[in-house]
Protein backbone atom coordinates (compact mmCIF):
# COMPACT_ATOMS: atom_id res chain seq x y z
CA MET A 1 19.14 22.20 -19.02
CA ASP A 2 21.46 19.20 -18.76
CA LEU A 3 19.08 16.78 -17.08
CA VAL A 4 21.70 14.05 -16.61
CA ASN A 5 23.94 16.38 -14.58
CA HIS A 6 20.95 17.45 -12.49
CA LEU A 7 20.24 13.82 -11.58
CA THR A 8 23.73 13.05 -10.28
CA ASP A 9 23.25 15.03 -7.06
CA ARG A 10 19.66 14.00 -6.42
CA LEU A 11 17.96 11.12 -4.70
CA LEU A 12 16.08 9.10 -7.34
CA PHE A 13 12.53 8.17 -6.39
CA ALA A 14 10.63 5.81 -8.73
CA VAL A 15 6.83 6.10 -8.84
CA PRO A 16 4.18 4.49 -11.08
CA LYS A 17 3.72 6.50 -14.27
CA LYS A 18 -0.05 6.07 -14.72
CA GLY A 19 -3.29 4.63 -13.40
CA ARG A 20 -4.76 4.56 -9.91
CA LEU A 21 -1.39 3.92 -8.28
CA TYR A 22 -0.05 7.08 -9.91
CA GLU A 23 -2.91 9.21 -8.58
CA LYS A 24 -2.50 7.86 -5.05
CA CYS A 25 1.28 8.34 -5.17
CA VAL A 26 0.97 11.94 -6.30
CA HIS A 27 -1.40 12.63 -3.40
CA ILE A 28 1.02 11.14 -0.86
CA LEU A 29 3.99 13.04 -2.30
CA LYS A 30 2.12 16.35 -2.21
CA GLU A 31 0.92 15.73 1.35
CA SER A 32 4.56 14.98 2.24
CA ASP A 33 5.52 18.44 0.90
CA ILE A 34 7.56 16.95 -1.95
CA LYS A 35 6.90 19.62 -4.55
CA PHE A 36 7.23 18.99 -8.29
CA ARG A 37 5.59 19.63 -11.62
CA ARG A 38 5.58 16.88 -14.21
CA SER A 39 5.79 17.71 -17.90
CA ASP A 40 3.53 15.65 -20.15
CA ARG A 41 6.51 14.83 -22.35
CA LEU A 42 8.89 13.66 -19.65
CA ASP A 43 8.98 10.72 -17.25
CA ILE A 44 11.33 12.66 -14.95
CA ALA A 45 10.36 15.52 -12.64
CA LEU A 46 12.77 17.50 -10.48
CA CYS A 47 11.51 18.46 -7.03
CA THR A 48 11.67 22.17 -6.36
CA ASN A 49 12.15 22.09 -2.59
CA LEU A 50 14.29 18.97 -2.04
CA PRO A 51 17.20 17.35 -3.94
CA ILE A 52 14.94 14.61 -5.34
CA ALA A 53 14.21 13.50 -8.90
CA LEU A 54 11.00 11.57 -9.47
CA ILE A 55 11.31 8.86 -12.11
CA PHE A 56 7.97 7.71 -13.57
CA LEU A 57 8.07 4.03 -14.51
CA PRO A 58 5.69 1.11 -15.05
CA ALA A 59 4.87 -0.33 -11.62
CA ALA A 60 6.27 -3.73 -12.65
CA ASP A 61 9.69 -2.18 -13.44
CA ILE A 62 10.11 -0.28 -10.19
CA PRO A 63 11.33 -3.23 -8.04
CA THR A 64 14.14 -3.91 -10.53
CA PHE A 65 15.33 -0.30 -10.64
CA VAL A 66 15.25 -0.02 -6.84
CA GLY A 67 16.60 -3.54 -6.23
CA GLN A 68 19.57 -2.98 -8.50
CA GLY A 69 20.31 0.40 -6.90
CA ASN A 70 19.45 2.53 -9.96
CA CYS A 71 16.81 4.28 -7.84
CA ASP A 72 16.97 4.87 -4.10
CA LEU A 73 13.26 4.71 -3.26
CA GLY A 74 10.13 3.59 -5.04
CA ILE A 75 6.43 3.00 -4.65
CA THR A 76 4.88 -0.18 -6.02
CA GLY A 77 2.91 -3.24 -4.99
CA VAL A 78 4.35 -6.11 -2.95
CA ASP A 79 3.12 -8.38 -5.77
CA GLN A 80 5.49 -6.65 -8.19
CA VAL A 81 8.38 -6.92 -5.72
CA ARG A 82 7.83 -10.64 -5.20
CA GLU A 83 7.31 -11.27 -8.93
CA ALA A 84 10.59 -9.51 -9.75
CA GLY A 85 12.38 -11.45 -7.00
CA MET A 86 14.16 -8.32 -5.79
CA ASP A 87 15.68 -7.98 -2.32
CA VAL A 88 14.59 -4.55 -1.10
CA HIS A 89 13.51 -2.96 2.18
CA LEU A 90 9.75 -2.49 2.65
CA PRO A 91 9.64 0.28 5.28
CA ILE A 92 6.06 1.59 4.91
CA ASN A 93 2.76 -0.01 3.94
CA LEU A 94 0.92 2.78 2.11
CA GLN A 95 -2.49 1.18 2.67
CA PHE A 96 -3.79 1.47 -0.88
CA GLY A 97 -3.91 -0.87 -3.85
CA ASN A 98 -5.09 -3.64 -1.53
CA CYS A 99 -5.91 -6.80 -3.45
CA LYS A 100 -5.23 -10.52 -3.64
CA LEU A 101 -3.39 -12.57 -6.23
CA GLN A 102 -5.73 -15.52 -6.60
CA VAL A 103 -6.13 -18.78 -8.46
CA GLN A 104 -9.36 -18.55 -10.45
CA VAL A 105 -11.34 -21.11 -12.43
CA PRO A 106 -14.66 -21.15 -14.34
CA GLU A 107 -17.45 -21.00 -11.76
CA ASN A 108 -19.34 -23.92 -13.32
CA GLY A 109 -16.21 -25.87 -14.25
CA PRO A 110 -14.84 -29.14 -12.85
CA TYR A 111 -12.07 -27.63 -10.68
CA LYS A 112 -12.80 -26.81 -7.04
CA LYS A 113 -9.34 -27.02 -5.46
CA PRO A 114 -5.95 -25.77 -6.72
CA GLU A 115 -4.52 -29.30 -6.47
CA GLU A 116 -6.90 -30.33 -9.26
CA LEU A 117 -5.07 -27.95 -11.61
CA ILE A 118 -1.75 -29.78 -11.30
CA GLY A 119 -0.65 -30.77 -14.80
CA LYS A 120 -3.07 -28.30 -16.39
CA THR A 121 -2.45 -24.96 -18.13
CA ILE A 122 -2.48 -21.79 -16.04
CA VAL A 123 -2.33 -18.30 -17.53
CA SER A 124 -1.06 -15.27 -15.61
CA SER A 125 0.91 -12.06 -15.93
CA PHE A 126 2.63 -13.13 -12.67
CA THR A 127 4.38 -16.18 -14.05
CA ASN A 128 7.15 -16.33 -11.43
CA LEU A 129 4.78 -16.24 -8.46
CA THR A 130 2.42 -18.66 -10.19
CA SER A 131 5.25 -21.08 -10.96
CA GLN A 132 6.51 -20.94 -7.38
CA TYR A 133 3.00 -21.56 -6.05
CA PHE A 134 2.30 -24.60 -8.23
CA ALA A 135 5.81 -26.01 -7.79
CA LYS A 136 5.23 -25.96 -4.03
CA LEU A 137 1.81 -27.51 -4.56
CA GLU A 138 3.42 -30.32 -6.56
CA GLY A 139 6.25 -30.71 -4.06
CA THR A 140 8.90 -30.18 -6.71
CA THR A 141 11.02 -27.47 -8.33
CA VAL A 142 9.85 -24.98 -10.94
CA GLU A 143 12.04 -26.72 -13.51
CA ASN A 144 10.43 -30.13 -12.88
CA MET A 145 6.79 -29.14 -12.37
CA LYS A 146 4.09 -30.68 -14.55
CA THR A 147 1.78 -27.67 -14.55
CA LYS A 148 2.19 -25.41 -17.58
CA ILE A 149 2.39 -21.68 -16.81
CA SER A 150 1.80 -19.28 -19.72
CA TYR A 151 2.21 -15.52 -19.78
CA VAL A 152 -0.55 -13.11 -20.84
CA GLY A 153 -0.02 -9.39 -20.25
CA GLY A 154 -3.64 -8.25 -20.28
CA SER A 155 -7.23 -9.54 -20.23
CA VAL A 156 -6.07 -12.59 -18.29
CA GLU A 157 -9.65 -13.24 -17.16
CA ALA A 158 -10.68 -14.07 -20.75
CA SER A 159 -8.20 -16.94 -21.06
CA CYS A 160 -10.50 -19.68 -19.76
CA ALA A 161 -13.45 -18.62 -21.90
CA LEU A 162 -11.22 -18.59 -24.99
CA GLY A 163 -9.92 -22.09 -24.26
CA VAL A 164 -6.37 -20.91 -23.65
CA ALA A 165 -6.24 -21.99 -20.00
CA ASP A 166 -7.82 -24.29 -17.44
CA GLY A 167 -7.32 -21.66 -14.76
CA ILE A 168 -5.72 -18.27 -14.22
CA VAL A 169 -3.81 -16.44 -11.51
CA ASP A 170 -4.75 -12.78 -11.40
CA LEU A 171 -5.20 -9.84 -9.04
CA VAL A 172 -8.62 -9.45 -7.43
CA GLU A 173 -9.71 -6.21 -5.78
CA SER A 174 -13.50 -6.12 -5.58
CA GLY A 175 -14.08 -9.32 -7.54
CA GLU A 176 -16.44 -7.68 -10.03
CA THR A 177 -14.25 -8.40 -13.07
CA MET A 178 -13.75 -11.98 -11.94
CA ARG A 179 -17.48 -12.61 -11.53
CA ALA A 180 -18.31 -10.86 -14.80
CA ALA A 181 -15.97 -13.31 -16.56
CA GLY A 182 -17.74 -16.25 -14.95
CA LEU A 183 -14.80 -17.07 -12.68
CA THR A 184 -14.46 -17.89 -9.01
CA ASP A 185 -11.41 -17.95 -6.75
CA ILE A 186 -10.24 -21.21 -5.17
CA ALA A 187 -6.95 -20.14 -3.54
CA THR A 188 -4.95 -17.04 -2.63
CA VAL A 189 -1.32 -16.89 -3.74
CA LEU A 190 -0.48 -13.53 -2.15
CA GLU A 191 -2.15 -10.60 -0.40
CA THR A 192 -0.69 -7.31 -1.57
CA SER A 193 -0.81 -3.54 -1.23
CA ALA A 194 1.36 -0.61 -2.25
CA TYR A 195 4.56 -0.06 -0.25
CA LEU A 196 7.36 2.44 -0.08
CA ILE A 197 10.37 0.34 -1.07
CA GLU A 198 14.03 1.19 -0.42
CA SER A 199 17.20 0.00 -2.09
CA LYS A 200 19.69 -1.91 0.03
CA THR A 201 22.56 -0.43 -1.98
CA THR A 202 21.62 3.24 -1.99
CA LYS A 203 24.44 5.79 -1.83
CA SER A 204 22.16 8.78 -1.25
CA ASP A 205 22.16 10.91 1.89
CA PRO A 206 20.71 8.72 4.69
CA GLU A 207 19.37 11.82 6.43
CA LEU A 208 17.35 12.76 3.33
CA ILE A 209 16.00 9.22 3.05
CA ALA A 210 15.02 9.30 6.72
CA THR A 211 13.28 12.66 6.19
CA ILE A 212 11.24 11.32 3.26
CA LYS A 213 10.23 8.20 5.20
CA SER A 214 9.28 10.30 8.22
CA ARG A 215 7.11 12.60 6.09
CA ILE A 216 5.35 9.73 4.35
CA GLN A 217 4.80 7.94 7.66
CA GLY A 218 3.29 11.19 8.96
CA VAL A 219 0.84 11.23 6.05
CA MET A 220 -0.12 7.61 6.71
CA THR A 221 -0.68 8.32 10.40
CA ALA A 222 -2.78 11.38 9.55
CA GLN A 223 -4.95 9.24 7.29
CA LYS A 224 -5.52 6.69 10.04
CA TYR A 225 -6.16 9.05 12.96
CA VAL A 226 -8.20 12.14 13.83
CA TYR A 227 -7.77 14.49 16.78
CA CYS A 228 -10.43 14.29 19.48
CA ASN A 229 -10.98 17.03 22.07
CA TYR A 230 -13.58 17.04 24.83
CA ASN A 231 -14.33 18.31 28.33
CA ALA A 232 -15.03 16.01 31.26
CA PRO A 233 -15.51 16.16 35.03
CA ARG A 234 -12.28 15.17 36.72
CA GLU A 235 -14.02 12.41 38.68
CA ILE A 236 -14.87 10.46 35.49
CA LEU A 237 -11.36 10.49 34.01
CA ASP A 238 -10.85 6.87 34.98
CA GLN A 239 -13.86 6.04 32.77
CA VAL A 240 -13.16 8.21 29.71
CA LEU A 241 -9.39 7.90 29.38
CA PRO A 242 -9.55 4.19 28.49
CA ILE A 243 -11.83 5.22 25.60
CA THR A 244 -9.28 7.75 24.29
CA PRO A 245 -5.86 6.52 25.42
CA GLY A 246 -4.09 8.30 22.52
CA ARG A 247 -1.08 6.88 20.70
CA ARG A 248 1.05 7.26 23.83
CA ALA A 249 -1.15 9.10 26.32
CA ALA A 250 -3.97 11.62 26.30
CA THR A 251 -3.25 15.29 27.07
CA ILE A 252 -5.19 16.64 30.06
CA SER A 253 -5.49 20.42 30.59
CA GLN A 254 -7.05 22.47 33.36
CA ILE A 255 -9.91 24.76 32.26
CA ASP A 256 -11.71 27.64 33.99
CA ASP A 257 -14.59 25.48 35.15
CA ALA A 258 -14.35 24.02 38.62
CA GLY A 259 -13.89 20.26 38.59
CA TRP A 260 -13.64 19.99 34.79
CA VAL A 261 -10.67 19.31 32.53
CA ALA A 262 -10.06 19.28 28.77
CA VAL A 263 -8.82 16.07 27.21
CA SER A 264 -7.13 15.75 23.82
CA ALA A 265 -6.05 12.53 22.08
CA MET A 266 -5.51 10.97 18.68
CA ILE A 267 -8.18 8.38 17.94
CA GLU A 268 -8.63 5.97 15.04
CA ARG A 269 -10.69 7.50 12.25
CA ALA A 270 -12.61 4.27 11.68
CA LYS A 271 -13.77 4.21 15.33
CA LYS A 272 -14.57 7.90 15.83
CA GLY A 273 -18.37 7.52 15.83
CA ARG A 274 -18.39 4.82 18.48
CA ILE A 275 -15.79 6.67 20.57
CA MET A 276 -17.82 9.89 20.56
CA ASP A 277 -20.96 7.96 21.55
CA ASP A 278 -19.13 6.22 24.41
CA LEU A 279 -17.69 9.51 25.70
CA LYS A 280 -21.14 11.12 25.68
CA ARG A 281 -22.65 8.22 27.62
CA LYS A 282 -19.90 8.45 30.25
CA GLY A 283 -20.60 12.14 30.86
CA ALA A 284 -18.10 13.97 28.61
CA ALA A 285 -19.22 17.18 26.89
CA ASP A 286 -18.22 19.49 24.03
CA ILE A 287 -16.82 16.50 22.11
CA MET A 288 -15.13 17.57 18.87
CA VAL A 289 -13.13 15.75 16.21
CA PHE A 290 -10.61 17.48 13.93
CA GLU A 291 -8.79 16.35 10.81
CA ILE A 292 -5.01 15.88 10.97
CA SER A 293 -3.39 17.01 7.73
CA ASN A 294 0.06 15.72 8.69
CA CYS A 295 2.03 14.78 11.79
CA ARG A 296 5.23 13.24 13.11
CA VAL A 297 4.97 10.34 15.53
């Protein structure tokens, strides 16, 4: 197989090659009916049902490949996009990989505010974002700032304990690693999550790109909502419909029970327990909630 020739007629979609982002991305792609099988020896997988080639890359490299137009679409964190300084579209927040890029210092140390770190040494794997943050804090340019920013690719949280840095800038999800290292956060540089990103210079079929975005948006909607169905006396509709307004409007159907109707609506998954309780108190019956595997909205 001449893989290069196969790529010329395909939309190139960059996804993280490993870790938790990879697992989440694979789930979203499969739920979007983008079918592929990845060989252990290759970082390229051809989709079997759409003219797409998946390119597996380090998450930090994806903004550059998409920003420069080498790939049409990608999935990576906003932190990586901002760090790379790439101008790309961010059409869909994928609602995973949520964390904060934060300034951290030793919990029992002398620094309590980020301004106190001006002129000190800061270690981070996000040197561009860190430099921009401290330059703004100093009221100067990156070139003229007094604060020293040093790069460390891994184990950033150990830098203070080893005497390499006065403070660090690192991603915080649950905060467990930060606390275990004896650190505390004193400022947030950026809040981030994984996004579908899109090149501004893509030459691929716009209809195919729209289809992919629509499918992924359908998966995201299905993750946020469930489908609620219940029966209610017609005279209490003015009380129950505000509880289940649906995304646009609830569906009301006549049933073979005098004075009763069936109501169907999408409701937020996170609120389903309270919504079902409220419907029951208002007089609704036969209240059921169903999973939505995918949808188009």
